[in-house]
Amino acid sequence: MIDGASRSRVFWHVTIPLLRPYVLLASLLSTMAAVKVFEEIYVMTRGGPFFSTYTMFMYIFDKAFEELNMGYAAALALVLAAILLVLSVINFRMFRRGGLEWY
C-alpha cells in the first residue's frame, strides 16, 4: 500500500503467495483423508448396495480381516501408500514457486 499498489495487486502479489504453504498443507491433508475414508462407510453401509461405496481401504480391510489374507492386504496397503505419494508429489509440484522451493 505504501508503494502505491492497489488492493487487488496487494491481494494477488502479497496475500496469495503468503497463503501458499497453508493451502498446500490443507490440500495434502484433505487428499489423504479422502483416500483413506473407512469408518463412515463401514458403519453406515459396509460397502453399500452392489459395492457402490466400496473404497480401496475397505477392500484392504476385507482382505486382511475377513479373508485373513494378510500378505495380500499388506501389498495393497503399499500400493495405496504409493498412490498417496504420487498424489502428494503432484500437489507439491502444483504449489511450487520456481526453482527448488517446495512451497
N, C-alpha and C. Protein backbone atom coordinates (compact mmCIF):
# COMPACT_ATOMS: atom_id res chain seq x y z
N MET A 1 0.82 -1.18 0.00
CA MET A 1 0.00 0.00 0.00
C MET A 1 0.88 1.26 0.00
N ILE A 2 2.00 1.19 0.71
CA ILE A 2 2.88 2.35 0.78
C ILE A 2 3.47 2.68 -0.59
N ASP A 3 3.74 1.66 -1.40
CA ASP A 3 4.34 1.87 -2.71
C ASP A 3 3.31 2.24 -3.77
N GLY A 4 2.06 2.37 -3.41
CA GLY A 4 1.04 2.77 -4.35
C GLY A 4 0.32 1.62 -5.03
N ALA A 5 0.43 0.43 -4.51
CA ALA A 5 -0.25 -0.72 -5.10
C ALA A 5 -1.72 -0.71 -4.71
N SER A 6 -2.56 -1.14 -5.62
CA SER A 6 -3.99 -1.19 -5.33
C SER A 6 -4.29 -2.40 -4.45
N ARG A 7 -5.51 -2.46 -3.95
CA ARG A 7 -5.90 -3.58 -3.08
C ARG A 7 -5.82 -4.91 -3.82
N SER A 8 -6.25 -4.91 -5.08
CA SER A 8 -6.23 -6.16 -5.84
C SER A 8 -4.79 -6.62 -6.10
N ARG A 9 -3.90 -5.69 -6.39
CA ARG A 9 -2.49 -6.06 -6.63
C ARG A 9 -1.85 -6.58 -5.34
N VAL A 10 -2.16 -5.97 -4.22
CA VAL A 10 -1.64 -6.46 -2.93
C VAL A 10 -2.17 -7.86 -2.65
N PHE A 11 -3.45 -8.08 -2.93
CA PHE A 11 -4.04 -9.39 -2.70
C PHE A 11 -3.36 -10.46 -3.54
N TRP A 12 -3.20 -10.22 -4.85
CA TRP A 12 -2.65 -11.23 -5.76
C TRP A 12 -1.15 -11.41 -5.62
N HIS A 13 -0.41 -10.37 -5.27
CA HIS A 13 1.05 -10.47 -5.25
C HIS A 13 1.64 -10.57 -3.85
N VAL A 14 0.85 -10.37 -2.81
CA VAL A 14 1.37 -10.47 -1.44
C VAL A 14 0.59 -11.53 -0.65
N THR A 15 -0.73 -11.39 -0.59
CA THR A 15 -1.54 -12.26 0.25
C THR A 15 -1.56 -13.70 -0.25
N ILE A 16 -1.85 -13.89 -1.52
CA ILE A 16 -1.92 -15.24 -2.09
C ILE A 16 -0.59 -15.98 -1.96
N PRO A 17 0.56 -15.39 -2.33
CA PRO A 17 1.82 -16.13 -2.14
C PRO A 17 2.12 -16.47 -0.67
N LEU A 18 1.69 -15.62 0.26
CA LEU A 18 1.92 -15.93 1.67
C LEU A 18 1.02 -17.06 2.17
N LEU A 19 -0.12 -17.24 1.55
CA LEU A 19 -1.03 -18.31 1.95
C LEU A 19 -0.69 -19.65 1.30
N ARG A 20 0.20 -19.66 0.34
CA ARG A 20 0.51 -20.87 -0.42
C ARG A 20 0.89 -22.08 0.45
N PRO A 21 1.75 -21.97 1.46
CA PRO A 21 2.09 -23.15 2.28
C PRO A 21 0.88 -23.72 3.04
N TYR A 22 -0.01 -22.85 3.47
CA TYR A 22 -1.17 -23.31 4.23
C TYR A 22 -2.18 -24.00 3.32
N VAL A 23 -2.33 -23.49 2.12
CA VAL A 23 -3.21 -24.14 1.15
C VAL A 23 -2.63 -25.50 0.77
N LEU A 24 -1.33 -25.60 0.63
CA LEU A 24 -0.67 -26.87 0.33
C LEU A 24 -0.92 -27.88 1.45
N LEU A 25 -0.74 -27.47 2.68
CA LEU A 25 -0.97 -28.37 3.81
C LEU A 25 -2.42 -28.83 3.86
N ALA A 26 -3.36 -27.92 3.68
CA ALA A 26 -4.77 -28.29 3.71
C ALA A 26 -5.12 -29.23 2.58
N SER A 27 -4.58 -29.00 1.39
CA SER A 27 -4.90 -29.88 0.27
C SER A 27 -4.27 -31.25 0.45
N LEU A 28 -3.06 -31.33 1.00
CA LEU A 28 -2.45 -32.64 1.27
C LEU A 28 -3.26 -33.43 2.29
N LEU A 29 -3.63 -32.79 3.37
CA LEU A 29 -4.39 -33.49 4.41
C LEU A 29 -5.77 -33.93 3.91
N SER A 30 -6.42 -33.09 3.12
CA SER A 30 -7.74 -33.48 2.62
C SER A 30 -7.64 -34.58 1.57
N THR A 31 -6.57 -34.59 0.77
CA THR A 31 -6.37 -35.68 -0.20
C THR A 31 -6.17 -37.00 0.52
N MET A 32 -5.35 -37.00 1.56
CA MET A 32 -5.12 -38.24 2.32
C MET A 32 -6.38 -38.70 3.03
N ALA A 33 -7.14 -37.78 3.57
CA ALA A 33 -8.38 -38.14 4.25
C ALA A 33 -9.41 -38.70 3.28
N ALA A 34 -9.44 -38.16 2.07
CA ALA A 34 -10.41 -38.64 1.07
C ALA A 34 -10.05 -40.04 0.60
N VAL A 35 -8.77 -40.35 0.51
CA VAL A 35 -8.36 -41.68 0.03
C VAL A 35 -8.59 -42.73 1.10
N LYS A 36 -8.36 -42.41 2.35
CA LYS A 36 -8.44 -43.42 3.39
C LYS A 36 -9.75 -43.40 4.19
N VAL A 37 -10.81 -42.86 3.61
CA VAL A 37 -12.10 -42.86 4.30
C VAL A 37 -12.54 -44.31 4.53
N PHE A 38 -12.89 -44.62 5.76
CA PHE A 38 -13.24 -46.00 6.08
C PHE A 38 -14.37 -46.08 7.09
N GLU A 39 -14.24 -45.39 8.21
CA GLU A 39 -15.16 -45.57 9.32
C GLU A 39 -16.61 -45.29 8.94
N GLU A 40 -16.83 -44.18 8.25
CA GLU A 40 -18.20 -43.81 7.91
C GLU A 40 -18.84 -44.86 7.01
N ILE A 41 -18.10 -45.32 6.02
CA ILE A 41 -18.63 -46.30 5.09
C ILE A 41 -18.88 -47.63 5.79
N TYR A 42 -17.95 -48.05 6.63
CA TYR A 42 -18.09 -49.33 7.31
C TYR A 42 -19.28 -49.33 8.26
N VAL A 43 -19.46 -48.25 8.99
CA VAL A 43 -20.56 -48.18 9.95
C VAL A 43 -21.91 -48.07 9.25
N MET A 44 -21.98 -47.26 8.20
CA MET A 44 -23.28 -46.98 7.59
C MET A 44 -23.70 -48.01 6.54
N THR A 45 -22.79 -48.43 5.66
CA THR A 45 -23.23 -49.28 4.54
C THR A 45 -22.43 -50.56 4.36
N ARG A 46 -21.26 -50.66 4.98
CA ARG A 46 -20.35 -51.80 4.79
C ARG A 46 -20.07 -52.07 3.32
N GLY A 47 -19.91 -51.03 2.54
CA GLY A 47 -19.62 -51.19 1.12
C GLY A 47 -20.81 -50.88 0.24
N GLY A 48 -21.94 -50.71 0.85
CA GLY A 48 -23.12 -50.26 0.12
C GLY A 48 -23.78 -51.31 -0.75
N PRO A 49 -24.91 -50.97 -1.29
CA PRO A 49 -25.57 -51.90 -2.19
C PRO A 49 -24.76 -52.07 -3.48
N PHE A 50 -24.44 -53.29 -3.79
CA PHE A 50 -23.68 -53.62 -5.00
C PHE A 50 -22.32 -52.91 -5.05
N PHE A 51 -21.65 -52.81 -3.90
CA PHE A 51 -20.31 -52.23 -3.77
C PHE A 51 -20.24 -50.78 -4.27
N SER A 52 -21.33 -50.04 -4.16
CA SER A 52 -21.35 -48.66 -4.66
C SER A 52 -20.52 -47.70 -3.80
N THR A 53 -20.30 -48.00 -2.52
CA THR A 53 -19.47 -47.16 -1.67
C THR A 53 -18.20 -47.87 -1.23
N TYR A 54 -17.81 -48.87 -1.96
CA TYR A 54 -16.62 -49.66 -1.65
C TYR A 54 -15.37 -48.88 -2.06
N THR A 55 -14.42 -48.70 -1.14
CA THR A 55 -13.18 -47.99 -1.44
C THR A 55 -12.01 -48.96 -1.35
N MET A 56 -10.84 -48.47 -1.73
CA MET A 56 -9.65 -49.32 -1.66
C MET A 56 -9.33 -49.68 -0.22
N PHE A 57 -9.56 -48.76 0.68
CA PHE A 57 -9.31 -49.03 2.09
C PHE A 57 -10.26 -50.11 2.61
N MET A 58 -11.51 -50.09 2.15
CA MET A 58 -12.47 -51.15 2.52
C MET A 58 -12.01 -52.50 1.97
N TYR A 59 -11.49 -52.49 0.75
CA TYR A 59 -11.00 -53.72 0.13
C TYR A 59 -9.83 -54.30 0.92
N ILE A 60 -8.91 -53.43 1.34
CA ILE A 60 -7.78 -53.88 2.16
C ILE A 60 -8.27 -54.46 3.47
N PHE A 61 -9.24 -53.81 4.10
CA PHE A 61 -9.79 -54.31 5.36
C PHE A 61 -10.44 -55.69 5.17
N ASP A 62 -11.21 -55.84 4.10
CA ASP A 62 -11.86 -57.13 3.84
C ASP A 62 -10.85 -58.23 3.61
N LYS A 63 -9.81 -57.94 2.83
CA LYS A 63 -8.79 -58.96 2.56
C LYS A 63 -8.04 -59.33 3.83
N ALA A 64 -7.75 -58.35 4.67
CA ALA A 64 -6.95 -58.61 5.86
C ALA A 64 -7.74 -59.30 6.97
N PHE A 65 -8.94 -58.80 7.28
CA PHE A 65 -9.61 -59.25 8.49
C PHE A 65 -10.81 -60.16 8.25
N GLU A 66 -11.35 -60.17 7.06
CA GLU A 66 -12.46 -61.09 6.81
C GLU A 66 -11.99 -62.33 6.07
N GLU A 67 -11.03 -62.18 5.15
CA GLU A 67 -10.49 -63.33 4.43
C GLU A 67 -9.17 -63.81 5.03
N LEU A 68 -8.64 -63.07 6.00
CA LEU A 68 -7.38 -63.37 6.68
C LEU A 68 -6.21 -63.57 5.72
N ASN A 69 -6.18 -62.77 4.69
CA ASN A 69 -5.10 -62.79 3.71
C ASN A 69 -4.21 -61.57 3.96
N MET A 70 -3.39 -61.66 5.00
CA MET A 70 -2.60 -60.52 5.46
C MET A 70 -1.52 -60.09 4.47
N GLY A 71 -0.90 -61.02 3.79
CA GLY A 71 0.15 -60.67 2.83
C GLY A 71 -0.39 -59.84 1.68
N TYR A 72 -1.51 -60.28 1.14
CA TYR A 72 -2.13 -59.55 0.02
C TYR A 72 -2.60 -58.17 0.49
N ALA A 73 -3.14 -58.10 1.70
CA ALA A 73 -3.59 -56.81 2.23
C ALA A 73 -2.40 -55.87 2.46
N ALA A 74 -1.27 -56.41 2.91
CA ALA A 74 -0.08 -55.58 3.10
C ALA A 74 0.42 -55.04 1.76
N ALA A 75 0.38 -55.88 0.73
CA ALA A 75 0.80 -55.43 -0.60
C ALA A 75 -0.14 -54.34 -1.11
N LEU A 76 -1.43 -54.50 -0.88
CA LEU A 76 -2.39 -53.47 -1.28
C LEU A 76 -2.17 -52.17 -0.52
N ALA A 77 -1.81 -52.28 0.75
CA ALA A 77 -1.53 -51.08 1.54
C ALA A 77 -0.31 -50.35 1.00
N LEU A 78 0.69 -51.09 0.54
CA LEU A 78 1.85 -50.44 -0.08
C LEU A 78 1.47 -49.75 -1.38
N VAL A 79 0.57 -50.36 -2.16
CA VAL A 79 0.09 -49.72 -3.38
C VAL A 79 -0.66 -48.43 -3.03
N LEU A 80 -1.48 -48.48 -1.99
CA LEU A 80 -2.20 -47.28 -1.55
C LEU A 80 -1.22 -46.20 -1.09
N ALA A 81 -0.17 -46.59 -0.40
CA ALA A 81 0.84 -45.62 0.03
C ALA A 81 1.56 -45.01 -1.17
N ALA A 82 1.83 -45.82 -2.19
CA ALA A 82 2.47 -45.30 -3.41
C ALA A 82 1.55 -44.32 -4.13
N ILE A 83 0.25 -44.62 -4.17
CA ILE A 83 -0.71 -43.70 -4.79
C ILE A 83 -0.74 -42.38 -4.04
N LEU A 84 -0.75 -42.45 -2.70
CA LEU A 84 -0.72 -41.22 -1.90
C LEU A 84 0.57 -40.44 -2.10
N LEU A 85 1.67 -41.14 -2.26
CA LEU A 85 2.94 -40.48 -2.52
C LEU A 85 2.91 -39.74 -3.85
N VAL A 86 2.37 -40.38 -4.87
CA VAL A 86 2.27 -39.74 -6.19
C VAL A 86 1.36 -38.51 -6.12
N LEU A 87 0.22 -38.65 -5.44
CA LEU A 87 -0.69 -37.51 -5.30
C LEU A 87 -0.04 -36.37 -4.52
N SER A 88 0.76 -36.70 -3.52
CA SER A 88 1.46 -35.67 -2.74
C SER A 88 2.51 -34.95 -3.58
N VAL A 89 3.25 -35.70 -4.39
CA VAL A 89 4.27 -35.08 -5.26
C VAL A 89 3.59 -34.16 -6.27
N ILE A 90 2.47 -34.60 -6.84
CA ILE A 90 1.73 -33.76 -7.77
C ILE A 90 1.26 -32.49 -7.07
N ASN A 91 0.78 -32.64 -5.85
CA ASN A 91 0.33 -31.49 -5.07
C ASN A 91 1.47 -30.51 -4.81
N PHE A 92 2.64 -31.03 -4.43
CA PHE A 92 3.80 -30.17 -4.19
C PHE A 92 4.21 -29.45 -5.47
N ARG A 93 4.20 -30.15 -6.57
CA ARG A 93 4.60 -29.54 -7.84
C ARG A 93 3.64 -28.44 -8.27
N MET A 94 2.36 -28.62 -7.98
CA MET A 94 1.39 -27.60 -8.35
C MET A 94 1.60 -26.32 -7.55
N PHE A 95 2.06 -26.44 -6.32
CA PHE A 95 2.22 -25.28 -5.46
C PHE A 95 3.65 -24.76 -5.41
N ARG A 96 4.53 -25.36 -6.20
CA ARG A 96 5.93 -24.93 -6.17
C ARG A 96 6.07 -23.55 -6.78
N ARG A 97 6.94 -22.78 -6.22
CA ARG A 97 7.15 -21.40 -6.66
C ARG A 97 8.55 -21.28 -7.24
N GLY A 98 8.76 -21.80 -8.45
CA GLY A 98 10.06 -21.70 -9.12
C GLY A 98 11.13 -22.55 -8.47
N GLY A 99 12.26 -22.70 -9.12
CA GLY A 99 13.45 -23.34 -8.58
C GLY A 99 13.23 -24.63 -7.82
N LEU A 100 13.91 -24.73 -6.68
CA LEU A 100 13.84 -25.93 -5.86
C LEU A 100 12.98 -25.76 -4.63
N GLU A 101 12.25 -24.66 -4.52
CA GLU A 101 11.38 -24.46 -3.36
C GLU A 101 10.17 -25.38 -3.48
N TRP A 102 9.76 -25.95 -2.37
CA TRP A 102 8.65 -26.91 -2.38
C TRP A 102 7.39 -26.33 -1.78
N TYR A 103 7.29 -25.06 -1.60
CA TYR A 103 6.05 -24.46 -1.09
C TYR A 103 5.76 -23.16 -1.77
